[in-house]
């Protein structure tokens, strides 16, 4: 999957052959991502091996509750974006989580990847609503949802265990009606800063 703007940005499943590059990217960005990464409320280490991580994602994808994707830029891994907690029936919604390495932050990559995933989720995946929950201190992610014109829905108190504590998150959403038939990527193209 691409964003339709630049074929050098590709969203695809993470595979076995990505192990060394993925582990190196995560290791190089440990300190950068730590303030935003989920942690275990019990304090227990939650690290799993790479093969187990892939199997878990594959199982959830088969069950239809997860769309796990890797962000690839010019043939190298840059981060990940997932639609998770996918609900069907009368709900037709999911949440989106994402990360990119520090070297790719501020380049529009996250915004374009999120837009492409939103277009897929609200289109072929058949969802009606998608949401993104962001820590109030995460100014970069707040800028991403602002560029894509997500609607803010409020604050979720102590919503997720992040960086060792229960953290508040600002909640943002898009529905099919919010996009008025316009691709989400187009919402960004119309408002993107110069040079991105």
Foldseek 3Di string as FASTA:
>chain_A
DFLVPDPQKDKDADDPVCVVQVVVLCVVAVVVCQQPDFDDLVNDDDDDDPVVVSVVQVVCVVVVFKDKIFIGGNRGTFWIKMFGRQDDDPQQETEMDIDGGPVCQPQCSVLSVVLSVVLCSQPVVVGFKYKYWAFPVCVSVVVSCVLLVWAWDAKDFLPGHGNNGRGITTMTMDGPVNCVPPRSSVSNVVPPDPPD
